């Protein structure tokens, strides 16, 4: 593995009416990022935002907890950390008019790396109404 990670993942719930404190209570954890639409927020660099949040967002990331250039350990960490799957989550997302996704960073500068998202993780997210997105950098 190189000095920086070539893969990591973030779990996001987003929506215009999202209330971050609801999701913190639901999961029983504090998020790495929380934004309420229309309100100032703290940026990832720790500075106050210059503009109010354009969408509500609640998220936790794997980057600081997992050291791996593969996606699978990052996704498995988030699944365990969030105690997924949850049978009521799909319905809650619909009731709260929110969306859920794994957003994955994938460094593929060499062009020969294939993202490793196991079928069981894809099935879990699909069953709960979520998506998996891979942001590939070359």
C-alpha atoms as a PDB file:
ATOM      1  CA  UNK A   1       0.000   0.000   0.000  1.00  0.00           C
ATOM      2  CA  UNK A   2       1.203   3.497  -0.781  1.00  0.00           C
ATOM      3  CA  UNK A   3       1.490   6.431   1.669  1.00  0.00           C
ATOM      4  CA  UNK A   4      -2.058   7.503   0.750  1.00  0.00           C
ATOM      5  CA  UNK A   5      -5.072   5.278   0.355  1.00  0.00           C
ATOM      6  CA  UNK A   6      -6.190   4.473  -3.149  1.00  0.00           C
ATOM      7  CA  UNK A   7      -9.681   3.546  -1.951  1.00  0.00           C
ATOM      8  CA  UNK A   8     -12.155   4.524   0.734  1.00  0.00           C
ATOM      9  CA  UNK A   9     -15.918   4.781   1.142  1.00  0.00           C
ATOM     10  CA  UNK A  10     -18.490   7.064   2.705  1.00  0.00           C
ATOM     11  CA  UNK A  11     -22.051   6.192   3.659  1.00  0.00           C
ATOM     12  CA  UNK A  12     -24.439   9.075   2.971  1.00  0.00           C
ATOM     13  CA  UNK A  13     -28.070   9.786   3.631  1.00  0.00           C
ATOM     14  CA  UNK A  14     -29.274  12.922   1.852  1.00  0.00           C
ATOM     15  CA  UNK A  15     -32.415  14.910   1.253  1.00  0.00           C
ATOM     16  CA  UNK A  16     -33.835  18.406   1.344  1.00  0.00           C
ATOM     17  CA  UNK A  17     -35.696  17.842   4.626  1.00  0.00           C
ATOM     18  CA  UNK A  18     -32.981  15.730   6.275  1.00  0.00           C
ATOM     19  CA  UNK A  19     -32.487  16.349  10.004  1.00  0.00           C
ATOM     20  CA  UNK A  20     -28.989  15.105  10.932  1.00  0.00           C
ATOM     21  CA  UNK A  21     -29.855  14.540  14.605  1.00  0.00           C
ATOM     22  CA  UNK A  22     -32.566  12.029  13.621  1.00  0.00           C
ATOM     23  CA  UNK A  23     -30.030   9.846  11.800  1.00  0.00           C
ATOM     24  CA  UNK A  24     -27.439  10.193  14.575  1.00  0.00           C
ATOM     25  CA  UNK A  25     -30.026   8.882  17.028  1.00  0.00           C
ATOM     26  CA  UNK A  26     -31.190   6.150  14.652  1.00  0.00           C
ATOM     27  CA  UNK A  27     -27.686   4.775  14.106  1.00  0.00           C
ATOM     28  CA  UNK A  28     -26.461   5.631  17.608  1.00  0.00           C
ATOM     29  CA  UNK A  29     -23.320   7.358  16.299  1.00  0.00           C
ATOM     30  CA  UNK A  30     -22.108  10.835  15.491  1.00  0.00           C
ATOM     31  CA  UNK A  31     -21.489  11.461  11.790  1.00  0.00           C
ATOM     32  CA  UNK A  32     -18.285  12.598  10.144  1.00  0.00           C
ATOM     33  CA  UNK A  33     -20.373  15.103   8.191  1.00  0.00           C
ATOM     34  CA  UNK A  34     -23.758  16.645   8.949  1.00  0.00           C
ATOM     35  CA  UNK A  35     -25.437  19.378   6.926  1.00  0.00           C
ATOM     36  CA  UNK A  36     -28.899  20.859   7.258  1.00  0.00           C
ATOM     37  CA  UNK A  37     -30.204  22.459   4.065  1.00  0.00           C
ATOM     38  CA  UNK A  38     -30.137  26.238   4.264  1.00  0.00           C
ATOM     39  CA  UNK A  39     -27.840  26.397   7.310  1.00  0.00           C
ATOM     40  CA  UNK A  40     -24.090  27.019   7.601  1.00  0.00           C
ATOM     41  CA  UNK A  41     -21.948  23.963   8.268  1.00  0.00           C
ATOM     42  CA  UNK A  42     -18.374  22.983   8.984  1.00  0.00           C
ATOM     43  CA  UNK A  43     -16.416  21.925   5.899  1.00  0.00           C
ATOM     44  CA  UNK A  44     -14.173  18.830   5.881  1.00  0.00           C
ATOM     45  CA  UNK A  45     -11.198  21.168   6.432  1.00  0.00           C
ATOM     46  CA  UNK A  46     -12.809  22.350   9.676  1.00  0.00           C
ATOM     47  CA  UNK A  47     -13.713  25.814   8.413  1.00  0.00           C
ATOM     48  CA  UNK A  48     -17.171  27.366   8.357  1.00  0.00           C
ATOM     49  CA  UNK A  49     -18.926  27.102   5.000  1.00  0.00           C
ATOM     50  CA  UNK A  50     -19.178  30.249   2.896  1.00  0.00           C
ATOM     51  CA  UNK A  51     -22.687  29.380   1.746  1.00  0.00           C
ATOM     52  CA  UNK A  52     -25.534  27.524   3.453  1.00  0.00           C
ATOM     53  CA  UNK A  53     -26.001  23.813   2.774  1.00  0.00           C
ATOM     54  CA  UNK A  54     -27.700  23.136  -0.553  1.00  0.00           C
ATOM     55  CA  UNK A  55     -29.000  19.751   0.631  1.00  0.00           C
ATOM     56  CA  UNK A  56     -29.296  17.919   3.932  1.00  0.00           C
ATOM     57  CA  UNK A  57     -26.558  15.349   4.418  1.00  0.00           C
ATOM     58  CA  UNK A  58     -25.541  12.827   7.088  1.00  0.00           C
ATOM     59  CA  UNK A  59     -22.460  10.683   6.506  1.00  0.00           C
ATOM     60  CA  UNK A  60     -19.778   8.470   7.984  1.00  0.00           C
ATOM     61  CA  UNK A  61     -16.540   7.542   6.294  1.00  0.00           C
ATOM     62  CA  UNK A  62     -14.106   4.649   6.417  1.00  0.00           C
ATOM     63  CA  UNK A  63     -10.917   6.510   5.528  1.00  0.00           C
ATOM     64  CA  UNK A  64      -9.616   7.045   9.071  1.00  0.00           C
ATOM     65  CA  UNK A  65     -10.691   3.621  10.370  1.00  0.00           C
ATOM     66  CA  UNK A  66      -9.516   1.286   7.582  1.00  0.00           C
ATOM     67  CA  UNK A  67      -6.095   1.055   5.933  1.00  0.00           C
ATOM     68  CA  UNK A  68      -6.580  -0.656   2.580  1.00  0.00           C
ATOM     69  CA  UNK A  69      -6.308   0.125  -1.122  1.00  0.00           C
ATOM     70  CA  UNK A  70      -9.290  -2.193  -1.744  1.00  0.00           C
ATOM     71  CA  UNK A  71     -12.912  -1.134  -1.388  1.00  0.00           C
ATOM     72  CA  UNK A  72     -14.200  -4.312   0.224  1.00  0.00           C
ATOM     73  CA  UNK A  73     -12.680  -3.727   3.703  1.00  0.00           C
ATOM     74  CA  UNK A  74     -13.959  -0.138   3.699  1.00  0.00           C
ATOM     75  CA  UNK A  75     -17.486  -1.212   2.771  1.00  0.00           C
ATOM     76  CA  UNK A  76     -17.485  -4.082   5.282  1.00  0.00           C
ATOM     77  CA  UNK A  77     -16.347  -1.691   8.012  1.00  0.00           C
ATOM     78  CA  UNK A  78     -19.238   0.681   7.264  1.00  0.00           C
ATOM     79  CA  UNK A  79     -21.753  -2.163   7.176  1.00  0.00           C
ATOM     80  CA  UNK A  80     -20.590  -3.371  10.594  1.00  0.00           C
ATOM     81  CA  UNK A  81     -20.275   0.140  12.062  1.00  0.00           C
ATOM     82  CA  UNK A  82     -23.818   1.053  10.961  1.00  0.00           C
ATOM     83  CA  UNK A  83     -25.239  -2.376  11.821  1.00  0.00           C
ATOM     84  CA  UNK A  84     -26.533  -2.938   8.295  1.00  0.00           C
ATOM     85  CA  UNK A  85     -28.773  -4.280   6.940  1.00  0.00           C
ATOM     86  CA  UNK A  86     -31.683  -2.849   8.931  1.00  0.00           C
ATOM     87  CA  UNK A  87     -35.164  -4.061   8.087  1.00  0.00           C
ATOM     88  CA  UNK A  88     -36.840  -0.687   8.706  1.00  0.00           C
ATOM     89  CA  UNK A  89     -34.327   1.513   6.885  1.00  0.00           C
ATOM     90  CA  UNK A  90     -35.882   1.377   3.409  1.00  0.00           C
ATOM     91  CA  UNK A  91     -39.258   2.499   4.787  1.00  0.00           C
ATOM     92  CA  UNK A  92     -37.669   5.260   6.901  1.00  0.00           C
ATOM     93  CA  UNK A  93     -35.831   6.609   3.876  1.00  0.00           C
ATOM     94  CA  UNK A  94     -39.118   6.784   1.961  1.00  0.00           C
ATOM     95  CA  UNK A  95     -40.992   8.417   4.855  1.00  0.00           C
ATOM     96  CA  UNK A  96     -38.240  11.009   5.331  1.00  0.00           C
ATOM     97  CA  UNK A  97     -37.879  11.631   1.566  1.00  0.00           C
ATOM     98  CA  UNK A  98     -34.181  10.800   1.737  1.00  0.00           C
ATOM     99  CA  UNK A  99     -31.728   8.701  -0.250  1.00  0.00           C
ATOM    100  CA  UNK A 100     -28.894   6.434   0.853  1.00  0.00           C
ATOM    101  CA  UNK A 101     -25.660   5.545  -0.893  1.00  0.00           C
ATOM    102  CA  UNK A 102     -22.134   4.312  -0.514  1.00  0.00           C
ATOM    103  CA  UNK A 103     -19.889   6.817  -2.270  1.00  0.00           C
ATOM    104  CA  UNK A 104     -16.552   5.188  -3.057  1.00  0.00           C
ATOM    105  CA  UNK A 105     -13.264   6.860  -3.934  1.00  0.00           C
ATOM    106  CA  UNK A 106     -11.212   4.720  -6.329  1.00  0.00           C
ATOM    107  CA  UNK A 107      -7.723   5.744  -7.478  1.00  0.00           C
ATOM    108  CA  UNK A 108      -6.958   3.961 -10.738  1.00  0.00           C
ATOM    109  CA  UNK A 109      -4.057   5.990 -12.083  1.00  0.00           C
ATOM    110  CA  UNK A 110      -2.482   2.880 -13.609  1.00  0.00           C
ATOM    111  CA  UNK A 111      -5.743   1.923 -15.320  1.00  0.00           C
ATOM    112  CA  UNK A 112      -5.456  -1.711 -14.260  1.00  0.00           C
ATOM    113  CA  UNK A 113      -7.395  -1.714 -10.973  1.00  0.00           C
ATOM    114  CA  UNK A 114     -10.941  -3.053 -10.824  1.00  0.00           C
ATOM    115  CA  UNK A 115     -13.181  -1.910  -7.936  1.00  0.00           C
ATOM    116  CA  UNK A 116     -13.965  -4.806  -5.618  1.00  0.00           C
ATOM    117  CA  UNK A 117     -17.572  -4.467  -4.498  1.00  0.00           C
ATOM    118  CA  UNK A 118     -18.767  -7.923  -3.435  1.00  0.00           C
ATOM    119  CA  UNK A 119     -22.166  -9.157  -4.609  1.00  0.00           C
ATOM    120  CA  UNK A 120     -23.464  -9.538  -1.040  1.00  0.00           C
ATOM    121  CA  UNK A 121     -22.826  -5.836  -0.346  1.00  0.00           C
ATOM    122  CA  UNK A 122     -24.549  -4.854  -3.601  1.00  0.00           C
ATOM    123  CA  UNK A 123     -27.512  -7.039  -2.576  1.00  0.00           C
ATOM    124  CA  UNK A 124     -27.693  -5.470   0.901  1.00  0.00           C
ATOM    125  CA  UNK A 125     -27.746  -1.935  -0.491  1.00  0.00           C
ATOM    126  CA  UNK A 126     -30.254  -2.799  -3.189  1.00  0.00           C
ATOM    127  CA  UNK A 127     -32.597  -4.462  -0.663  1.00  0.00           C
ATOM    128  CA  UNK A 128     -32.510  -1.354   1.542  1.00  0.00           C
ATOM    129  CA  UNK A 129     -33.081   0.984  -1.409  1.00  0.00           C
ATOM    130  CA  UNK A 130     -29.548   2.359  -1.569  1.00  0.00           C
ATOM    131  CA  UNK A 131     -26.961   2.694  -4.293  1.00  0.00           C
ATOM    132  CA  UNK A 132     -23.216   2.240  -4.625  1.00  0.00           C
ATOM    133  CA  UNK A 133     -21.367   4.898  -6.589  1.00  0.00           C
ATOM    134  CA  UNK A 134     -17.688   4.733  -7.541  1.00  0.00           C
ATOM    135  CA  UNK A 135     -15.799   7.934  -8.226  1.00  0.00           C
ATOM    136  CA  UNK A 136     -12.819   6.697 -10.254  1.00  0.00           C
ATOM    137  CA  UNK A 137      -9.728   8.854 -10.686  1.00  0.00           C
ATOM    138  CA  UNK A 138      -7.223   8.188 -13.465  1.00  0.00           C
END
